[in-house]
């Protein structure tokens, strides 16, 4: 069990790190798109901006959750 918990911790850290890198790129691209479509007459720009912002927040929350899981698993494994 201890080994499995450490494995989960390691994989969660790697996945969280990957998501953090993705979030940085995603944010850059989102900002570029939002700058290009800002001020459109249809209001679609607001919809896209909200969608991109929500997706960015979800990625950030997922990365944070994985970091919490990694830490929790490692701490528990070290106690048993």
N, C-alpha and C. Protein backbone atom coordinates (compact mmCIF):
# COMPACT_ATOMS: atom_id res chain seq x y z
N UNK A 1 0.82 -1.18 0.00
CA UNK A 1 0.00 0.00 0.00
C UNK A 1 0.88 1.26 0.00
N UNK A 2 1.92 1.22 0.78
CA UNK A 2 2.82 2.37 0.88
C UNK A 2 3.41 2.70 -0.50
N UNK A 3 3.85 1.68 -1.19
CA UNK A 3 4.44 1.87 -2.51
C UNK A 3 3.41 2.44 -3.50
N UNK A 4 2.19 1.94 -3.41
CA UNK A 4 1.13 2.43 -4.29
C UNK A 4 0.82 3.91 -4.01
N UNK A 5 0.80 4.27 -2.75
CA UNK A 5 0.55 5.67 -2.40
C UNK A 5 1.65 6.59 -2.93
N UNK A 6 2.89 6.14 -2.82
CA UNK A 6 3.99 6.93 -3.36
C UNK A 6 3.89 7.03 -4.88
N UNK A 7 3.47 5.95 -5.52
CA UNK A 7 3.30 5.96 -6.98
C UNK A 7 2.21 6.95 -7.38
N UNK A 8 1.10 6.92 -6.66
CA UNK A 8 0.01 7.86 -6.93
C UNK A 8 0.51 9.29 -6.74
N UNK A 9 1.25 9.51 -5.67
CA UNK A 9 1.77 10.83 -5.38
C UNK A 9 2.66 11.33 -6.52
N UNK A 10 3.54 10.48 -6.99
CA UNK A 10 4.45 10.86 -8.07
C UNK A 10 3.68 11.15 -9.36
N UNK A 11 2.73 10.31 -9.69
CA UNK A 11 1.95 10.50 -10.91
C UNK A 11 1.08 11.76 -10.82
N UNK A 12 0.54 12.01 -9.65
CA UNK A 12 -0.28 13.22 -9.47
C UNK A 12 0.58 14.48 -9.61
N UNK A 13 1.80 14.44 -9.07
CA UNK A 13 2.71 15.58 -9.21
C UNK A 13 3.04 15.82 -10.68
N UNK A 14 3.33 14.75 -11.40
CA UNK A 14 3.66 14.89 -12.83
C UNK A 14 2.47 15.45 -13.61
N UNK A 15 1.30 14.92 -13.35
CA UNK A 15 0.11 15.38 -14.06
C UNK A 15 -0.19 16.84 -13.71
N UNK A 16 -0.04 17.18 -12.44
CA UNK A 16 -0.26 18.57 -12.01
C UNK A 16 0.72 19.52 -12.67
N UNK A 17 1.95 19.10 -12.77
CA UNK A 17 2.96 19.92 -13.44
C UNK A 17 2.65 20.10 -14.91
N UNK A 18 2.19 19.03 -15.54
CA UNK A 18 1.79 19.12 -16.94
C UNK A 18 0.62 20.05 -17.14
N UNK A 19 -0.33 19.99 -16.23
CA UNK A 19 -1.48 20.89 -16.32
C UNK A 19 -1.07 22.34 -16.09
N UNK A 20 -0.14 22.55 -15.19
CA UNK A 20 0.33 23.92 -14.93
C UNK A 20 0.99 24.49 -16.18
N UNK A 21 1.78 23.68 -16.87
CA UNK A 21 2.41 24.13 -18.12
C UNK A 21 1.35 24.40 -19.18
N UNK A 22 0.37 23.50 -19.28
CA UNK A 22 -0.71 23.70 -20.23
C UNK A 22 -1.46 24.99 -19.92
N UNK A 23 -1.70 25.25 -18.65
CA UNK A 23 -2.43 26.45 -18.23
C UNK A 23 -1.72 27.71 -18.70
N UNK A 24 -0.40 27.73 -18.60
CA UNK A 24 0.36 28.90 -19.04
C UNK A 24 0.18 29.12 -20.54
N UNK A 25 0.29 28.07 -21.32
CA UNK A 25 0.12 28.19 -22.78
C UNK A 25 -1.32 28.55 -23.12
N UNK A 26 -2.25 27.91 -22.45
CA UNK A 26 -3.67 28.15 -22.68
C UNK A 26 -4.01 29.61 -22.40
N UNK A 27 -3.47 30.14 -21.32
CA UNK A 27 -3.72 31.53 -20.96
C UNK A 27 -3.17 32.48 -22.03
N UNK A 28 -1.98 32.20 -22.50
CA UNK A 28 -1.39 33.03 -23.55
C UNK A 28 -2.26 33.03 -24.80
N UNK A 29 -2.68 31.86 -25.23
CA UNK A 29 -3.50 31.76 -26.43
C UNK A 29 -4.87 32.41 -26.21
N UNK A 30 -5.43 32.21 -25.03
CA UNK A 30 -6.73 32.80 -24.72
C UNK A 30 -6.66 34.32 -24.76
N UNK A 31 -5.60 34.88 -24.21
CA UNK A 31 -5.44 36.32 -24.22
C UNK A 31 -5.30 36.85 -25.64
N UNK A 32 -4.59 36.12 -26.48
CA UNK A 32 -4.45 36.52 -27.87
C UNK A 32 -5.80 36.50 -28.59
N UNK A 33 -6.55 35.43 -28.37
CA UNK A 33 -7.88 35.32 -29.00
C UNK A 33 -8.78 36.45 -28.51
N UNK A 34 -8.78 36.68 -27.21
CA UNK A 34 -9.64 37.73 -26.66
C UNK A 34 -9.25 39.10 -27.19
N UNK A 35 -7.98 39.34 -27.38
CA UNK A 35 -7.54 40.62 -27.94
C UNK A 35 -8.00 40.77 -29.39
N UNK A 36 -7.99 39.67 -30.13
CA UNK A 36 -8.40 39.72 -31.53
C UNK A 36 -9.90 39.94 -31.70
N UNK A 37 -10.70 39.38 -30.80
CA UNK A 37 -12.15 39.46 -30.97
C UNK A 37 -12.80 40.54 -30.12
N UNK A 38 -12.04 41.23 -29.34
CA UNK A 38 -12.61 42.26 -28.45
C UNK A 38 -13.35 43.30 -29.28
N UNK A 39 -14.52 43.64 -28.78
CA UNK A 39 -15.29 44.70 -29.42
C UNK A 39 -16.14 44.27 -30.59
N UNK A 40 -16.35 42.99 -30.78
CA UNK A 40 -17.21 42.57 -31.89
C UNK A 40 -18.63 43.03 -31.62
N UNK A 41 -19.34 43.27 -32.66
CA UNK A 41 -20.69 43.82 -32.55
C UNK A 41 -21.71 42.81 -32.03
N UNK A 42 -21.42 41.55 -32.14
CA UNK A 42 -22.42 40.54 -31.80
C UNK A 42 -22.40 40.14 -30.33
N UNK A 43 -21.37 40.45 -29.62
CA UNK A 43 -21.26 40.03 -28.23
C UNK A 43 -20.71 38.63 -28.08
N UNK A 44 -20.40 37.99 -29.19
CA UNK A 44 -19.83 36.65 -29.15
C UNK A 44 -18.50 36.68 -28.41
N UNK A 45 -17.82 37.82 -28.48
CA UNK A 45 -16.54 37.95 -27.79
C UNK A 45 -16.69 37.71 -26.30
N UNK A 46 -17.77 38.20 -25.73
CA UNK A 46 -18.00 37.99 -24.28
C UNK A 46 -18.22 36.51 -23.99
N UNK A 47 -18.97 35.84 -24.85
CA UNK A 47 -19.23 34.41 -24.66
C UNK A 47 -17.93 33.61 -24.72
N UNK A 48 -17.13 33.87 -25.73
CA UNK A 48 -15.86 33.15 -25.88
C UNK A 48 -14.94 33.46 -24.71
N UNK A 49 -14.88 34.73 -24.31
CA UNK A 49 -14.02 35.12 -23.18
C UNK A 49 -14.44 34.38 -21.92
N UNK A 50 -15.74 34.29 -21.67
CA UNK A 50 -16.24 33.59 -20.48
C UNK A 50 -15.92 32.10 -20.55
N UNK A 51 -16.07 31.51 -21.73
CA UNK A 51 -15.77 30.09 -21.90
C UNK A 51 -14.29 29.83 -21.65
N UNK A 52 -13.44 30.66 -22.24
CA UNK A 52 -11.99 30.49 -22.06
C UNK A 52 -11.57 30.72 -20.61
N UNK A 53 -12.16 31.72 -19.97
CA UNK A 53 -11.85 31.97 -18.56
C UNK A 53 -12.27 30.80 -17.68
N UNK A 54 -13.47 30.27 -17.93
CA UNK A 54 -13.96 29.13 -17.14
C UNK A 54 -13.06 27.92 -17.34
N UNK A 55 -12.65 27.68 -18.57
CA UNK A 55 -11.77 26.55 -18.84
C UNK A 55 -10.43 26.73 -18.14
N UNK A 56 -9.89 27.94 -18.17
CA UNK A 56 -8.63 28.21 -17.49
C UNK A 56 -8.72 27.98 -16.00
N UNK A 57 -9.84 28.43 -15.41
CA UNK A 57 -10.03 28.21 -13.96
C UNK A 57 -10.15 26.72 -13.64
N UNK A 58 -10.82 25.97 -14.50
CA UNK A 58 -10.98 24.53 -14.28
C UNK A 58 -9.63 23.82 -14.35
N UNK A 59 -8.80 24.21 -15.29
CA UNK A 59 -7.46 23.61 -15.41
C UNK A 59 -6.65 23.93 -14.16
N UNK A 60 -6.72 25.18 -13.72
CA UNK A 60 -5.98 25.57 -12.51
C UNK A 60 -6.45 24.81 -11.28
N UNK A 61 -7.76 24.64 -11.15
CA UNK A 61 -8.31 23.89 -10.02
C UNK A 61 -7.88 22.42 -10.08
N UNK A 62 -7.86 21.86 -11.28
CA UNK A 62 -7.44 20.47 -11.43
C UNK A 62 -5.97 20.30 -11.03
N UNK A 63 -5.13 21.23 -11.45
CA UNK A 63 -3.71 21.18 -11.08
C UNK A 63 -3.54 21.28 -9.57
N UNK A 64 -4.29 22.17 -8.94
CA UNK A 64 -4.21 22.32 -7.49
C UNK A 64 -4.71 21.07 -6.78
N UNK A 65 -5.77 20.48 -7.29
CA UNK A 65 -6.30 19.25 -6.68
C UNK A 65 -5.30 18.12 -6.77
N UNK A 66 -4.61 18.03 -7.88
CA UNK A 66 -3.59 16.99 -8.02
C UNK A 66 -2.43 17.22 -7.06
N UNK A 67 -2.04 18.45 -6.85
CA UNK A 67 -0.97 18.76 -5.89
C UNK A 67 -1.40 18.37 -4.47
N UNK A 68 -2.64 18.66 -4.14
CA UNK A 68 -3.16 18.30 -2.81
C UNK A 68 -3.19 16.78 -2.66
N UNK A 69 -3.64 16.09 -3.70
CA UNK A 69 -3.69 14.62 -3.65
C UNK A 69 -2.28 14.04 -3.52
N UNK A 70 -1.35 14.60 -4.28
CA UNK A 70 0.04 14.11 -4.21
C UNK A 70 0.61 14.26 -2.81
N UNK A 71 0.38 15.42 -2.24
CA UNK A 71 0.89 15.68 -0.89
C UNK A 71 0.23 14.76 0.14
N UNK A 72 -1.08 14.63 0.04
CA UNK A 72 -1.82 13.78 0.98
C UNK A 72 -1.38 12.33 0.91
N UNK A 73 -1.23 11.82 -0.29
CA UNK A 73 -0.80 10.42 -0.46
C UNK A 73 0.61 10.21 0.09
N UNK A 74 1.50 11.15 -0.21
CA UNK A 74 2.88 11.02 0.27
C UNK A 74 2.92 11.08 1.79
N UNK A 75 2.19 12.01 2.38
CA UNK A 75 2.17 12.14 3.84
C UNK A 75 1.63 10.87 4.50
N UNK A 76 0.54 10.35 3.95
CA UNK A 76 -0.05 9.14 4.52
C UNK A 76 0.90 7.97 4.38
N UNK A 77 1.52 7.84 3.21
CA UNK A 77 2.45 6.73 2.98
C UNK A 77 3.64 6.80 3.94
N UNK A 78 4.09 7.99 4.24
CA UNK A 78 5.23 8.14 5.16
C UNK A 78 4.87 7.84 6.61
N UNK A 79 3.58 7.84 6.92
CA UNK A 79 3.14 7.56 8.28
C UNK A 79 2.88 6.09 8.53
N UNK A 80 2.75 5.31 7.47
CA UNK A 80 2.45 3.89 7.67
C UNK A 80 3.68 3.04 7.51
